[in-house]
């Protein structure tokens, strides 16, 4: 099982709302307070996600000095499937949204497209093996 960190209030919130089974551990800075954090803590408790309070410098280390906004979530990475396997797992129907991408060279554009697709309810992203 592959794990990675998601950080920032909104990305963490979305994972806890939509993919809570993937969420494993929520890190929250001692310095972080307010309604947004309370919402994240409630979602974590609701979904049985372990909550760990840490110093800001721990979050800086976890996120590689990224803009963590006082929160980070350790989560299981999404599954990587072949096209045939994906078709068996998520049978396309009239309400199914998949994103197909090819020849994307900028990783920032790739991330933006995947995030946009996730907001639209996409359940799969189709990428070529290379590039």
Protein backbone atom coordinates (compact mmCIF):
# COMPACT_ATOMS: atom_id res chain seq x y z
CA UNK A 1 0.00 0.00 0.00
CA UNK A 2 1.37 3.35 -1.05
CA UNK A 3 0.85 6.41 1.14
CA UNK A 4 1.25 10.13 0.60
CA UNK A 5 0.48 13.43 2.31
CA UNK A 6 -2.25 15.83 1.27
CA UNK A 7 -2.06 19.27 2.83
CA UNK A 8 -4.06 22.48 3.00
CA UNK A 9 -7.52 23.05 4.46
CA UNK A 10 -9.57 22.47 1.31
CA UNK A 11 -7.73 19.43 -0.13
CA UNK A 12 -7.77 17.69 3.26
CA UNK A 13 -11.45 18.52 3.71
CA UNK A 14 -12.34 17.03 0.31
CA UNK A 15 -10.53 13.78 1.00
CA UNK A 16 -12.22 13.45 4.39
CA UNK A 17 -15.62 14.11 2.77
CA UNK A 18 -15.28 12.02 -0.39
CA UNK A 19 -12.59 9.40 0.18
CA UNK A 20 -12.53 8.99 3.93
CA UNK A 21 -11.64 5.28 3.65
CA UNK A 22 -8.27 6.34 2.23
CA UNK A 23 -7.57 8.76 5.10
CA UNK A 24 -5.29 7.36 7.81
CA UNK A 25 -3.97 10.15 10.02
CA UNK A 26 -4.81 13.84 10.31
CA UNK A 27 -1.97 16.11 11.51
CA UNK A 28 -3.07 19.47 12.92
CA UNK A 29 -0.71 22.19 14.16
CA UNK A 30 -1.15 23.25 17.79
CA UNK A 31 -1.28 26.83 16.51
CA UNK A 32 -4.19 26.13 14.15
CA UNK A 33 -7.57 27.10 15.56
CA UNK A 34 -10.95 28.14 14.22
CA UNK A 35 -14.06 26.89 12.53
CA UNK A 36 -12.26 25.33 9.54
CA UNK A 37 -10.11 23.16 11.79
CA UNK A 38 -13.08 22.21 13.95
CA UNK A 39 -14.83 21.02 10.79
CA UNK A 40 -11.83 18.88 9.83
CA UNK A 41 -11.60 17.44 13.32
CA UNK A 42 -15.30 16.55 13.24
CA UNK A 43 -14.92 14.83 9.87
CA UNK A 44 -11.88 12.92 11.12
CA UNK A 45 -13.71 11.73 14.25
CA UNK A 46 -16.78 10.79 12.20
CA UNK A 47 -14.62 8.70 9.86
CA UNK A 48 -12.43 7.15 12.58
CA UNK A 49 -9.29 8.92 11.35
CA UNK A 50 -6.52 9.26 13.95
CA UNK A 51 -5.82 12.89 14.89
CA UNK A 52 -2.29 13.98 15.83
CA UNK A 53 -1.49 17.47 17.13
CA UNK A 54 1.99 18.61 16.10
CA UNK A 55 4.26 21.66 16.00
CA UNK A 56 4.30 23.74 12.81
CA UNK A 57 7.86 22.62 12.05
CA UNK A 58 6.68 18.98 11.90
CA UNK A 59 4.14 19.97 9.23
CA UNK A 60 6.85 21.95 7.41
CA UNK A 61 8.95 18.78 7.34
CA UNK A 62 6.07 16.49 6.28
CA UNK A 63 5.02 18.80 3.44
CA UNK A 64 8.50 19.83 2.28
CA UNK A 65 7.84 23.44 3.35
CA UNK A 66 4.57 23.42 1.36
CA UNK A 67 1.66 25.74 2.18
CA UNK A 68 0.03 23.32 4.62
CA UNK A 69 -2.19 25.91 6.37
CA UNK A 70 -1.69 24.00 9.62
CA UNK A 71 -3.04 20.63 8.44
CA UNK A 72 -1.82 17.53 6.61
CA UNK A 73 -3.45 14.18 5.99
CA UNK A 74 -1.66 10.87 5.54
CA UNK A 75 -3.70 8.92 3.02
CA UNK A 76 -3.59 5.77 0.97
CA UNK A 77 -2.71 6.53 -2.64
CA UNK A 78 -5.39 5.98 -5.27
CA UNK A 79 -5.27 2.65 -7.08
CA UNK A 80 -3.58 2.45 -10.44
CA UNK A 81 -5.51 0.16 -12.77
CA UNK A 82 -5.22 -0.89 -16.38
CA UNK A 83 -8.06 0.22 -18.66
CA UNK A 84 -9.68 -3.25 -18.73
CA UNK A 85 -9.50 -3.47 -14.95
CA UNK A 86 -10.99 0.03 -14.58
CA UNK A 87 -13.84 -0.86 -16.93
CA UNK A 88 -14.65 -3.91 -14.81
CA UNK A 89 -14.44 -1.98 -11.54
CA UNK A 90 -16.35 1.15 -12.54
CA UNK A 91 -18.85 0.19 -15.22
CA UNK A 92 -19.48 3.31 -17.32
CA UNK A 93 -23.05 4.57 -17.36
CA UNK A 94 -24.85 7.77 -18.23
CA UNK A 95 -23.75 9.44 -14.97
CA UNK A 96 -20.15 8.20 -15.09
CA UNK A 97 -17.42 10.81 -15.54
CA UNK A 98 -13.94 9.75 -16.61
CA UNK A 99 -11.10 12.05 -17.62
CA UNK A 100 -8.88 10.99 -20.51
CA UNK A 101 -5.57 12.81 -20.92
CA UNK A 102 -2.75 12.54 -23.44
CA UNK A 103 0.46 14.45 -24.14
CA UNK A 104 0.35 16.47 -20.92
CA UNK A 105 3.85 17.77 -20.26
CA UNK A 106 3.35 20.19 -17.38
CA UNK A 107 2.74 18.46 -14.03
CA UNK A 108 0.94 21.57 -12.72
CA UNK A 109 -1.55 21.35 -15.58
CA UNK A 110 -2.03 17.64 -14.91
CA UNK A 111 -2.75 18.33 -11.24
CA UNK A 112 -5.17 21.13 -12.08
CA UNK A 113 -7.07 18.93 -14.54
CA UNK A 114 -7.31 16.06 -12.07
CA UNK A 115 -8.52 18.38 -9.30
CA UNK A 116 -11.13 19.87 -11.63
CA UNK A 117 -12.29 16.40 -12.68
CA UNK A 118 -12.57 15.36 -9.03
CA UNK A 119 -14.80 18.38 -8.36
CA UNK A 120 -17.03 17.22 -11.23
CA UNK A 121 -17.29 13.75 -9.71
CA UNK A 122 -14.86 11.91 -12.00
CA UNK A 123 -14.10 8.41 -10.78
CA UNK A 124 -11.20 7.64 -13.11
CA UNK A 125 -8.38 9.37 -14.94
CA UNK A 126 -7.02 7.68 -18.04
CA UNK A 127 -3.34 8.41 -18.70
CA UNK A 128 -0.90 6.94 -21.24
CA UNK A 129 1.87 4.74 -19.89
CA UNK A 130 4.50 7.24 -20.98
CA UNK A 131 4.37 11.03 -20.51
